Amino acid sequence: MTSITDQKWKGLAIKHFEGKGVIATMPFSRNDVVCDYHGEVISSVEGKKRMESLTDEPSYMFFFKGKGGEPLCINSQKFPCDCHPDFDTFGRRMNHSRKKNNVRPQRFTIRFPDGPRDCLLFMALRDIKVNEELL
């Protein structure tokens, strides 16, 4: 919970690969939590509408299924986010890859002081080496 609220994830650095990118600065083992992905939670339909309005800027939208299979989207387009106005967050900066991905999203319900919240955490799919891009 502290890593999410403070955004102090160990072993990560932002590196630009065509505008976005995150690399590992320490090794991660399979199933380690790497970081979170957060932002405004909206419906999948609303997320697709907002993506259509983007022109030449990168997309910071993450589509997933919520509890009960409801199609949702986390919109991290706004930078900086309201909850972390002083810095960029790692999850939103990762590049997407279906063929070479080394992390996977996992939905968790975490009990914060203001009540339970669903969070997406990126988990290592396999062992990840230092300087490897996270996808």
Protein backbone atom coordinates (compact mmCIF):
# COMPACT_ATOMS: atom_id res chain seq x y z
CA MET A 1 0.00 0.00 0.00
CA THR A 2 2.85 2.41 0.82
CA SER A 3 4.46 1.83 -2.58
CA ILE A 4 1.18 2.75 -4.26
CA THR A 5 0.44 5.84 -2.19
CA ASP A 6 4.04 7.14 -2.17
CA GLN A 7 5.00 5.83 -5.65
CA LYS A 8 8.38 4.74 -4.34
CA TRP A 9 8.92 1.60 -6.38
CA LYS A 10 12.37 0.01 -6.16
CA GLY A 11 14.37 -1.02 -9.18
CA LEU A 12 12.73 1.12 -11.89
CA ALA A 13 13.83 4.00 -14.11
CA ILE A 14 12.11 5.87 -16.91
CA LYS A 15 13.95 5.59 -20.23
CA HIS A 16 12.51 6.92 -23.46
CA PHE A 17 11.79 4.46 -26.26
CA GLU A 18 9.69 6.47 -28.72
CA GLY A 19 8.25 8.69 -25.98
CA LYS A 20 7.64 6.10 -23.25
CA GLY A 21 9.52 3.35 -21.50
CA VAL A 22 10.62 1.88 -18.19
CA ILE A 23 13.64 -0.31 -17.46
CA ALA A 24 14.57 -2.48 -14.52
CA THR A 25 17.51 -1.19 -12.47
CA MET A 26 17.53 -4.34 -10.32
CA PRO A 27 16.57 -7.93 -11.09
CA PHE A 28 12.98 -9.03 -10.53
CA SER A 29 11.94 -12.63 -9.91
CA ARG A 30 8.88 -14.26 -11.43
CA ASN A 31 5.67 -13.06 -9.66
CA ASP A 32 7.35 -10.06 -7.98
CA VAL A 33 5.22 -6.91 -7.85
CA VAL A 34 6.93 -4.42 -10.15
CA CYS A 35 4.65 -1.35 -9.87
CA ASP A 36 1.04 -0.22 -10.17
CA TYR A 37 -1.03 1.43 -12.88
CA HIS A 38 -3.44 4.05 -11.67
CA GLY A 39 -5.59 6.93 -12.81
CA GLU A 40 -9.23 7.71 -13.38
CA VAL A 41 -11.32 4.52 -13.65
CA ILE A 42 -13.90 4.86 -16.43
CA SER A 43 -16.00 2.52 -18.56
CA SER A 44 -14.35 0.81 -21.51
CA VAL A 45 -16.76 2.64 -23.84
CA GLU A 46 -15.73 6.02 -22.40
CA GLY A 47 -12.04 5.03 -22.65
CA LYS A 48 -12.42 4.21 -26.36
CA LYS A 49 -14.16 7.56 -26.97
CA ARG A 50 -11.32 9.40 -25.27
CA MET A 51 -8.71 7.47 -27.27
CA GLU A 52 -10.42 8.52 -30.52
CA SER A 53 -9.96 12.17 -29.54
CA LEU A 54 -6.16 11.78 -29.20
CA THR A 55 -4.16 13.02 -32.16
CA ASP A 56 -0.41 12.43 -32.28
CA GLU A 57 0.16 11.97 -28.56
CA PRO A 58 0.83 8.62 -26.88
CA SER A 59 -2.09 6.87 -25.22
CA TYR A 60 -2.03 6.28 -21.48
CA MET A 61 -5.16 4.14 -21.28
CA PHE A 62 -5.28 0.65 -19.81
CA PHE A 63 -8.28 -1.57 -20.58
CA PHE A 64 -9.12 -4.41 -18.20
CA LYS A 65 -12.00 -6.39 -16.68
CA GLY A 66 -13.20 -5.37 -13.22
CA LYS A 67 -15.06 -7.48 -10.70
CA GLY A 68 -17.68 -9.59 -12.43
CA GLY A 69 -16.00 -9.12 -15.81
CA GLU A 70 -17.12 -5.50 -16.29
CA PRO A 71 -15.03 -3.88 -19.07
CA LEU A 72 -13.21 -0.88 -17.59
CA CYS A 73 -10.40 1.51 -18.46
CA ILE A 74 -7.86 3.31 -16.32
CA ASN A 75 -7.22 6.71 -17.87
CA SER A 76 -3.72 7.92 -16.97
CA GLN A 77 -3.63 10.50 -19.75
CA LYS A 78 -3.57 13.40 -17.29
CA PHE A 79 -0.05 14.30 -16.26
CA PRO A 80 0.76 14.81 -13.54
CA CYS A 81 -1.99 12.90 -11.80
CA ASP A 82 -3.90 14.57 -8.96
CA CYS A 83 -2.58 12.14 -6.35
CA HIS A 84 1.12 12.50 -7.35
CA PRO A 85 1.52 16.05 -8.71
CA ASP A 86 5.30 16.15 -8.24
CA PHE A 87 6.42 13.25 -10.42
CA ASP A 88 5.65 10.81 -13.22
CA THR A 89 4.45 7.31 -12.34
CA PHE A 90 6.11 4.18 -13.72
CA GLY A 91 3.05 2.13 -14.72
CA ARG A 92 1.76 4.74 -17.14
CA ARG A 93 5.17 5.01 -18.81
CA MET A 94 5.54 1.31 -19.75
CA ASN A 95 5.32 0.37 -23.39
CA HIS A 96 2.82 -2.22 -24.60
CA SER A 97 3.76 -5.56 -26.15
CA ARG A 98 1.65 -8.66 -26.67
CA LYS A 99 4.50 -10.79 -27.99
CA LYS A 100 7.43 -9.83 -25.73
CA ASN A 101 5.69 -8.87 -22.50
CA ASN A 102 7.55 -9.60 -19.29
CA VAL A 103 4.95 -8.23 -16.83
CA ARG A 104 1.23 -8.92 -16.50
CA PRO A 105 -1.51 -6.89 -14.86
CA GLN A 106 -3.25 -8.34 -11.83
CA ARG A 107 -6.27 -6.74 -10.17
CA PHE A 108 -6.16 -6.61 -6.38
CA THR A 109 -8.46 -5.08 -3.79
CA ILE A 110 -6.32 -3.20 -1.30
CA ARG A 111 -7.59 -1.80 2.00
CA PHE A 112 -6.56 1.85 2.13
CA PRO A 113 -7.27 4.07 5.16
CA ASP A 114 -10.21 5.63 3.26
CA GLY A 115 -11.61 2.19 2.35
CA PRO A 116 -10.98 -0.69 -0.07
CA ARG A 117 -9.96 0.13 -3.65
CA ASP A 118 -9.29 -1.99 -6.71
CA CYS A 119 -5.72 -1.56 -7.98
CA LEU A 120 -3.85 -2.94 -10.95
CA LEU A 121 -0.39 -4.20 -10.09
CA PHE A 122 2.13 -5.30 -12.69
CA MET A 123 3.66 -8.66 -11.77
CA ALA A 124 6.81 -10.13 -13.31
CA LEU A 125 5.89 -12.96 -15.72
CA ARG A 126 9.42 -14.33 -15.55
CA ASP A 127 12.77 -13.35 -14.13
CA ILE A 128 13.69 -9.85 -15.38
CA LYS A 129 17.29 -8.68 -15.78
CA VAL A 130 18.84 -5.30 -15.02
CA ASN A 131 18.43 -2.82 -17.95
CA GLU A 132 15.62 -4.88 -19.48
CA GLU A 133 12.67 -2.84 -20.74
CA LEU A 134 9.41 -3.63 -18.94
CA LEU A 135 6.60 -4.44 -21.36
